């Protein structure tokens, strides 16, 4: 075999590039791809990222490093509770950190598919043996949970600076306006009619994403929420 230094260096690594190594269980020589090594590092949480944890979703027989409770196929936008192992897949104990995060926001996203995510406020994190119960208020989400896949749990707060204003248009005269804004909060509301005159009414916050406006008479106009 030629000296290692005689081989040309490759600085453009591709998924299917490979190198030789030894399997620990039987000491046999194996061929490892860059893609498989990257996957191992991700799912085992071997690369430390501040304020991020990795858990595997298991619907039955959940063990250390898993989260459970919701059913497979549940929408991430509808989840309000789950049971979370006291350690993540890298075996780091998360209890103190999760307790510290109560009242703050967290993003749960599917590994390698950032568009599958849920954005939540942590309401409570309470002891339940080797698993703690995580109670959540959903702020927004997209996609569904898939059994036996891995999800990143990360501290996540949208900056209020530069947050876009949601504009609702009431095209037909109405005394009650029902507005789905998906801002994930109780926004301030300003209403104008078609003559650009501010109209005051009664504001009822249904939840973090819905508000109802009630007026003494029906009219058309716009509501600005931010």
C-alpha atoms as a PDB file:
ATOM      1  CA  UNK A   1       0.000   0.000   0.000  1.00  0.00           C
ATOM      2  CA  UNK A   2       1.265   3.476  -0.878  1.00  0.00           C
ATOM      3  CA  UNK A   3       2.067   6.004   1.819  1.00  0.00           C
ATOM      4  CA  UNK A   4      -0.980   8.012   2.897  1.00  0.00           C
ATOM      5  CA  UNK A   5       0.878  11.234   2.139  1.00  0.00           C
ATOM      6  CA  UNK A   6       1.157  10.179  -1.501  1.00  0.00           C
ATOM      7  CA  UNK A   7      -2.619  10.255  -2.077  1.00  0.00           C
ATOM      8  CA  UNK A   8      -4.161  13.416  -3.494  1.00  0.00           C
ATOM      9  CA  UNK A   9      -6.054  15.495  -0.920  1.00  0.00           C
ATOM     10  CA  UNK A  10      -9.778  15.997  -1.575  1.00  0.00           C
ATOM     11  CA  UNK A  11     -11.230  19.177  -0.048  1.00  0.00           C
ATOM     12  CA  UNK A  12     -14.605  18.833  -1.810  1.00  0.00           C
ATOM     13  CA  UNK A  13     -16.329  16.166   0.304  1.00  0.00           C
ATOM     14  CA  UNK A  14     -19.470  14.541  -1.137  1.00  0.00           C
ATOM     15  CA  UNK A  15     -22.093  12.379   0.603  1.00  0.00           C
ATOM     16  CA  UNK A  16     -20.841   9.135  -0.938  1.00  0.00           C
ATOM     17  CA  UNK A  17     -17.137   9.774  -0.357  1.00  0.00           C
ATOM     18  CA  UNK A  18     -15.818   6.966   1.850  1.00  0.00           C
ATOM     19  CA  UNK A  19     -12.947   5.884   4.063  1.00  0.00           C
ATOM     20  CA  UNK A  20     -11.880   2.712   5.823  1.00  0.00           C
ATOM     21  CA  UNK A  21     -12.423   2.100   9.524  1.00  0.00           C
ATOM     22  CA  UNK A  22     -12.989  -0.619  12.106  1.00  0.00           C
ATOM     23  CA  UNK A  23     -16.363  -1.736  13.487  1.00  0.00           C
ATOM     24  CA  UNK A  24     -16.159  -1.739  17.298  1.00  0.00           C
ATOM     25  CA  UNK A  25     -18.383  -4.794  17.906  1.00  0.00           C
ATOM     26  CA  UNK A  26     -16.316  -7.287  15.898  1.00  0.00           C
ATOM     27  CA  UNK A  27     -13.144  -5.398  14.931  1.00  0.00           C
ATOM     28  CA  UNK A  28     -13.837  -6.001  11.238  1.00  0.00           C
ATOM     29  CA  UNK A  29     -12.769  -3.501   8.605  1.00  0.00           C
ATOM     30  CA  UNK A  30     -15.638  -1.477   7.192  1.00  0.00           C
ATOM     31  CA  UNK A  31     -16.258   1.202   4.565  1.00  0.00           C
ATOM     32  CA  UNK A  32     -17.876   4.378   5.985  1.00  0.00           C
ATOM     33  CA  UNK A  33     -19.441   7.140   3.882  1.00  0.00           C
ATOM     34  CA  UNK A  34     -19.377  10.816   4.753  1.00  0.00           C
ATOM     35  CA  UNK A  35     -23.196  10.812   4.712  1.00  0.00           C
ATOM     36  CA  UNK A  36     -23.447   7.962   7.234  1.00  0.00           C
ATOM     37  CA  UNK A  37     -20.962   9.616   9.598  1.00  0.00           C
ATOM     38  CA  UNK A  38     -22.835  12.936   9.403  1.00  0.00           C
ATOM     39  CA  UNK A  39     -26.127  11.132  10.136  1.00  0.00           C
ATOM     40  CA  UNK A  40     -24.578   9.408  13.163  1.00  0.00           C
ATOM     41  CA  UNK A  41     -23.286  12.686  14.566  1.00  0.00           C
ATOM     42  CA  UNK A  42     -26.707  14.329  14.120  1.00  0.00           C
ATOM     43  CA  UNK A  43     -28.934  11.651  15.620  1.00  0.00           C
ATOM     44  CA  UNK A  44     -26.580  10.936  18.513  1.00  0.00           C
ATOM     45  CA  UNK A  45     -26.173  14.620  19.349  1.00  0.00           C
ATOM     46  CA  UNK A  46     -22.400  14.273  19.285  1.00  0.00           C
ATOM     47  CA  UNK A  47     -21.865  17.827  18.087  1.00  0.00           C
ATOM     48  CA  UNK A  48     -22.685  20.258  20.881  1.00  0.00           C
ATOM     49  CA  UNK A  49     -24.934  23.159  19.866  1.00  0.00           C
ATOM     50  CA  UNK A  50     -25.790  25.642  22.586  1.00  0.00           C
ATOM     51  CA  UNK A  51     -29.438  25.543  23.744  1.00  0.00           C
ATOM     52  CA  UNK A  52     -30.289  22.581  21.495  1.00  0.00           C
ATOM     53  CA  UNK A  53     -31.202  18.994  22.407  1.00  0.00           C
ATOM     54  CA  UNK A  54     -32.012  15.943  20.282  1.00  0.00           C
ATOM     55  CA  UNK A  55     -34.764  13.425  21.077  1.00  0.00           C
ATOM     56  CA  UNK A  56     -36.201  10.441  19.204  1.00  0.00           C
ATOM     57  CA  UNK A  57     -39.986  10.186  18.834  1.00  0.00           C
ATOM     58  CA  UNK A  58     -41.321   6.810  20.037  1.00  0.00           C
ATOM     59  CA  UNK A  59     -45.012   5.958  20.267  1.00  0.00           C
ATOM     60  CA  UNK A  60     -44.434   2.770  22.330  1.00  0.00           C
ATOM     61  CA  UNK A  61     -41.684   1.488  24.609  1.00  0.00           C
ATOM     62  CA  UNK A  62     -40.039   4.883  24.895  1.00  0.00           C
ATOM     63  CA  UNK A  63     -36.600   4.784  26.499  1.00  0.00           C
ATOM     64  CA  UNK A  64     -33.822   7.173  27.460  1.00  0.00           C
ATOM     65  CA  UNK A  65     -33.354   9.845  24.811  1.00  0.00           C
ATOM     66  CA  UNK A  66     -36.961   9.603  23.558  1.00  0.00           C
ATOM     67  CA  UNK A  67     -40.134  11.657  23.717  1.00  0.00           C
ATOM     68  CA  UNK A  68     -43.600  10.136  23.582  1.00  0.00           C
ATOM     69  CA  UNK A  69     -47.286  10.905  24.194  1.00  0.00           C
ATOM     70  CA  UNK A  70     -48.597  12.213  20.871  1.00  0.00           C
ATOM     71  CA  UNK A  71     -49.663   9.703  18.219  1.00  0.00           C
ATOM     72  CA  UNK A  72     -47.836   9.136  14.966  1.00  0.00           C
ATOM     73  CA  UNK A  73     -49.235  11.545  12.384  1.00  0.00           C
ATOM     74  CA  UNK A  74     -50.335  14.134  14.943  1.00  0.00           C
ATOM     75  CA  UNK A  75     -49.979  17.659  13.600  1.00  0.00           C
ATOM     76  CA  UNK A  76     -47.178  19.606  15.239  1.00  0.00           C
ATOM     77  CA  UNK A  77     -49.560  22.577  15.291  1.00  0.00           C
ATOM     78  CA  UNK A  78     -51.949  20.706  17.626  1.00  0.00           C
ATOM     79  CA  UNK A  79     -49.596  19.244  20.239  1.00  0.00           C
ATOM     80  CA  UNK A  80     -50.086  20.556  23.793  1.00  0.00           C
ATOM     81  CA  UNK A  81     -48.314  17.904  25.891  1.00  0.00           C
ATOM     82  CA  UNK A  82     -45.711  15.142  25.681  1.00  0.00           C
ATOM     83  CA  UNK A  83     -43.501  13.033  27.924  1.00  0.00           C
ATOM     84  CA  UNK A  84     -39.818  13.839  27.582  1.00  0.00           C
ATOM     85  CA  UNK A  85     -36.928  11.671  28.771  1.00  0.00           C
ATOM     86  CA  UNK A  86     -34.792  13.302  31.442  1.00  0.00           C
ATOM     87  CA  UNK A  87     -31.801  12.742  29.124  1.00  0.00           C
ATOM     88  CA  UNK A  88     -31.486  13.421  25.399  1.00  0.00           C
ATOM     89  CA  UNK A  89     -29.865  11.070  22.843  1.00  0.00           C
ATOM     90  CA  UNK A  90     -26.372  12.221  23.874  1.00  0.00           C
ATOM     91  CA  UNK A  91     -27.198  11.195  27.491  1.00  0.00           C
ATOM     92  CA  UNK A  92     -26.983  14.748  28.843  1.00  0.00           C
ATOM     93  CA  UNK A  93     -29.470  15.435  31.637  1.00  0.00           C
ATOM     94  CA  UNK A  94     -31.893  18.162  30.497  1.00  0.00           C
ATOM     95  CA  UNK A  95     -34.050  18.612  33.630  1.00  0.00           C
ATOM     96  CA  UNK A  96     -32.464  21.774  35.025  1.00  0.00           C
ATOM     97  CA  UNK A  97     -32.330  23.417  31.619  1.00  0.00           C
ATOM     98  CA  UNK A  98     -35.942  22.559  30.718  1.00  0.00           C
ATOM     99  CA  UNK A  99     -37.161  23.836  34.084  1.00  0.00           C
ATOM    100  CA  UNK A 100     -35.293  27.077  33.416  1.00  0.00           C
ATOM    101  CA  UNK A 101     -37.091  27.399  30.057  1.00  0.00           C
ATOM    102  CA  UNK A 102     -40.608  27.321  31.554  1.00  0.00           C
ATOM    103  CA  UNK A 103     -42.386  30.437  30.299  1.00  0.00           C
ATOM    104  CA  UNK A 104     -40.121  30.700  27.272  1.00  0.00           C
ATOM    105  CA  UNK A 105     -40.422  29.550  23.662  1.00  0.00           C
ATOM    106  CA  UNK A 106     -39.058  26.391  22.076  1.00  0.00           C
ATOM    107  CA  UNK A 107     -38.858  25.123  18.497  1.00  0.00           C
ATOM    108  CA  UNK A 108     -39.250  21.399  17.838  1.00  0.00           C
ATOM    109  CA  UNK A 109     -38.144  20.517  14.310  1.00  0.00           C
ATOM    110  CA  UNK A 110     -37.580  17.295  12.384  1.00  0.00           C
ATOM    111  CA  UNK A 111     -33.923  16.663  11.654  1.00  0.00           C
ATOM    112  CA  UNK A 112     -33.002  17.299   8.007  1.00  0.00           C
ATOM    113  CA  UNK A 113     -36.430  18.809   7.301  1.00  0.00           C
ATOM    114  CA  UNK A 114     -36.730  22.252   8.916  1.00  0.00           C
ATOM    115  CA  UNK A 115     -40.183  22.828   7.352  1.00  0.00           C
ATOM    116  CA  UNK A 116     -41.618  20.177   9.698  1.00  0.00           C
ATOM    117  CA  UNK A 117     -41.729  22.102  12.972  1.00  0.00           C
ATOM    118  CA  UNK A 118     -43.724  23.333  15.937  1.00  0.00           C
ATOM    119  CA  UNK A 119     -43.241  26.614  17.809  1.00  0.00           C
ATOM    120  CA  UNK A 120     -44.426  26.545  21.429  1.00  0.00           C
ATOM    121  CA  UNK A 121     -44.400  28.293  24.769  1.00  0.00           C
ATOM    122  CA  UNK A 122     -43.380  25.945  27.610  1.00  0.00           C
ATOM    123  CA  UNK A 123     -46.093  26.135  30.274  1.00  0.00           C
ATOM    124  CA  UNK A 124     -44.669  23.572  32.691  1.00  0.00           C
ATOM    125  CA  UNK A 125     -42.181  20.730  33.015  1.00  0.00           C
ATOM    126  CA  UNK A 126     -43.079  18.345  35.839  1.00  0.00           C
ATOM    127  CA  UNK A 127     -41.517  15.174  37.254  1.00  0.00           C
ATOM    128  CA  UNK A 128     -42.848  11.791  36.180  1.00  0.00           C
ATOM    129  CA  UNK A 129     -40.090   9.243  36.913  1.00  0.00           C
ATOM    130  CA  UNK A 130     -37.555   8.832  34.104  1.00  0.00           C
ATOM    131  CA  UNK A 131     -39.792  11.016  31.952  1.00  0.00           C
ATOM    132  CA  UNK A 132     -41.039  14.529  32.628  1.00  0.00           C
ATOM    133  CA  UNK A 133     -44.366  15.870  31.366  1.00  0.00           C
ATOM    134  CA  UNK A 134     -43.907  18.851  29.076  1.00  0.00           C
ATOM    135  CA  UNK A 135     -47.012  21.061  28.757  1.00  0.00           C
ATOM    136  CA  UNK A 136     -47.067  23.461  25.830  1.00  0.00           C
ATOM    137  CA  UNK A 137     -49.042  26.290  24.286  1.00  0.00           C
ATOM    138  CA  UNK A 138     -48.865  26.010  20.517  1.00  0.00           C
ATOM    139  CA  UNK A 139     -47.895  29.179  18.673  1.00  0.00           C
ATOM    140  CA  UNK A 140     -47.507  27.832  15.154  1.00  0.00           C
ATOM    141  CA  UNK A 141     -46.536  24.652  13.337  1.00  0.00           C
ATOM    142  CA  UNK A 142     -46.337  22.742  10.090  1.00  0.00           C
ATOM    143  CA  UNK A 143     -46.281  19.028   9.291  1.00  0.00           C
ATOM    144  CA  UNK A 144     -46.810  15.919  11.412  1.00  0.00           C
ATOM    145  CA  UNK A 145     -44.826  13.667  13.754  1.00  0.00           C
ATOM    146  CA  UNK A 146     -43.253  10.500  12.356  1.00  0.00           C
ATOM    147  CA  UNK A 147     -42.443   7.582  14.638  1.00  0.00           C
ATOM    148  CA  UNK A 148     -38.786   6.646  15.250  1.00  0.00           C
ATOM    149  CA  UNK A 149     -37.405   9.814  13.694  1.00  0.00           C
ATOM    150  CA  UNK A 150     -35.233  12.381  15.452  1.00  0.00           C
ATOM    151  CA  UNK A 151     -36.231  15.930  16.381  1.00  0.00           C
ATOM    152  CA  UNK A 152     -34.207  18.936  17.494  1.00  0.00           C
ATOM    153  CA  UNK A 153     -35.475  20.880  20.533  1.00  0.00           C
ATOM    154  CA  UNK A 154     -34.081  24.413  20.532  1.00  0.00           C
ATOM    155  CA  UNK A 155     -34.699  27.655  22.380  1.00  0.00           C
ATOM    156  CA  UNK A 156     -36.436  29.908  19.893  1.00  0.00           C
ATOM    157  CA  UNK A 157     -37.876  33.394  20.207  1.00  0.00           C
ATOM    158  CA  UNK A 158     -38.917  35.561  17.290  1.00  0.00           C
ATOM    159  CA  UNK A 159     -37.631  39.101  17.606  1.00  0.00           C
ATOM    160  CA  UNK A 160     -40.397  41.653  18.031  1.00  0.00           C
ATOM    161  CA  UNK A 161     -38.311  44.121  16.044  1.00  0.00           C
ATOM    162  CA  UNK A 162     -39.386  44.036  12.452  1.00  0.00           C
ATOM    163  CA  UNK A 163     -42.359  41.736  13.100  1.00  0.00           C
ATOM    164  CA  UNK A 164     -44.721  42.192  10.141  1.00  0.00           C
ATOM    165  CA  UNK A 165     -48.148  43.759  10.624  1.00  0.00           C
ATOM    166  CA  UNK A 166     -51.033  41.444   9.830  1.00  0.00           C
ATOM    167  CA  UNK A 167     -53.673  43.240   7.753  1.00  0.00           C
ATOM    168  CA  UNK A 168     -57.223  41.893   7.717  1.00  0.00           C
ATOM    169  CA  UNK A 169     -59.749  43.160   5.175  1.00  0.00           C
ATOM    170  CA  UNK A 170     -63.480  42.997   5.923  1.00  0.00           C
ATOM    171  CA  UNK A 171     -64.984  43.130   2.419  1.00  0.00           C
ATOM    172  CA  UNK A 172     -68.667  42.807   3.348  1.00  0.00           C
ATOM    173  CA  UNK A 173     -70.352  44.979   6.008  1.00  0.00           C
ATOM    174  CA  UNK A 174     -70.369  43.173   9.354  1.00  0.00           C
ATOM    175  CA  UNK A 175     -70.667  44.040  13.037  1.00  0.00           C
ATOM    176  CA  UNK A 176     -68.574  41.014  14.072  1.00  0.00           C
ATOM    177  CA  UNK A 177     -65.147  40.368  12.533  1.00  0.00           C
ATOM    178  CA  UNK A 178     -63.465  36.995  13.151  1.00  0.00           C
ATOM    179  CA  UNK A 179     -59.762  37.199  12.388  1.00  0.00           C
ATOM    180  CA  UNK A 180     -57.271  34.319  12.126  1.00  0.00           C
ATOM    181  CA  UNK A 181     -53.847  36.017  12.242  1.00  0.00           C
ATOM    182  CA  UNK A 182     -51.401  33.238  13.333  1.00  0.00           C
ATOM    183  CA  UNK A 183     -49.099  35.745  15.031  1.00  0.00           C
ATOM    184  CA  UNK A 184     -48.769  33.506  18.063  1.00  0.00           C
ATOM    185  CA  UNK A 185     -49.595  36.281  20.544  1.00  0.00           C
ATOM    186  CA  UNK A 186     -52.278  38.746  21.673  1.00  0.00           C
ATOM    187  CA  UNK A 187     -51.600  41.559  19.180  1.00  0.00           C
ATOM    188  CA  UNK A 188     -52.524  45.201  19.371  1.00  0.00           C
ATOM    189  CA  UNK A 189     -55.414  46.013  17.008  1.00  0.00           C
ATOM    190  CA  UNK A 190     -56.272  49.152  15.056  1.00  0.00           C
ATOM    191  CA  UNK A 191     -59.404  49.272  12.884  1.00  0.00           C
ATOM    192  CA  UNK A 192     -60.265  51.774  10.165  1.00  0.00           C
ATOM    193  CA  UNK A 193     -63.292  52.033   7.902  1.00  0.00           C
ATOM    194  CA  UNK A 194     -63.227  52.686   4.153  1.00  0.00           C
ATOM    195  CA  UNK A 195     -62.879  56.420   4.828  1.00  0.00           C
ATOM    196  CA  UNK A 196     -59.690  55.798   6.849  1.00  0.00           C
ATOM    197  CA  UNK A 197     -61.403  56.724  10.120  1.00  0.00           C
ATOM    198  CA  UNK A 198     -60.377  54.766  13.213  1.00  0.00           C
ATOM    199  CA  UNK A 199     -63.304  52.762  14.608  1.00  0.00           C
ATOM    200  CA  UNK A 200     -63.309  51.512  18.184  1.00  0.00           C
ATOM    201  CA  UNK A 201     -64.950  48.242  19.126  1.00  0.00           C
ATOM    202  CA  UNK A 202     -64.760  45.400  21.623  1.00  0.00           C
ATOM    203  CA  UNK A 203     -61.733  43.109  21.216  1.00  0.00           C
ATOM    204  CA  UNK A 204     -61.947  39.483  22.361  1.00  0.00           C
ATOM    205  CA  UNK A 205     -58.815  37.338  22.172  1.00  0.00           C
ATOM    206  CA  UNK A 206     -59.981  33.791  21.452  1.00  0.00           C
ATOM    207  CA  UNK A 207     -56.424  32.419  21.660  1.00  0.00           C
ATOM    208  CA  UNK A 208     -52.910  33.327  20.528  1.00  0.00           C
ATOM    209  CA  UNK A 209     -53.902  33.101  16.875  1.00  0.00           C
ATOM    210  CA  UNK A 210     -57.530  34.266  16.747  1.00  0.00           C
ATOM    211  CA  UNK A 211     -59.298  37.473  17.701  1.00  0.00           C
ATOM    212  CA  UNK A 212     -62.922  38.617  17.428  1.00  0.00           C
ATOM    213  CA  UNK A 213     -63.919  42.258  16.964  1.00  0.00           C
ATOM    214  CA  UNK A 214     -67.433  43.441  17.857  1.00  0.00           C
ATOM    215  CA  UNK A 215     -68.910  46.777  16.724  1.00  0.00           C
ATOM    216  CA  UNK A 216     -72.220  48.543  17.291  1.00  0.00           C
ATOM    217  CA  UNK A 217     -73.001  48.447  13.567  1.00  0.00           C
ATOM    218  CA  UNK A 218     -71.789  46.673  10.470  1.00  0.00           C
ATOM    219  CA  UNK A 219     -69.226  48.283   8.144  1.00  0.00           C
ATOM    220  CA  UNK A 220     -66.329  47.397   5.844  1.00  0.00           C
ATOM    221  CA  UNK A 221     -62.703  48.265   6.430  1.00  0.00           C
ATOM    222  CA  UNK A 222     -59.381  46.947   7.606  1.00  0.00           C
ATOM    223  CA  UNK A 223     -57.817  45.768  10.861  1.00  0.00           C
ATOM    224  CA  UNK A 224     -54.090  46.144  11.501  1.00  0.00           C
ATOM    225  CA  UNK A 225     -52.608  43.665  13.993  1.00  0.00           C
ATOM    226  CA  UNK A 226     -49.044  43.714  15.331  1.00  0.00           C
END
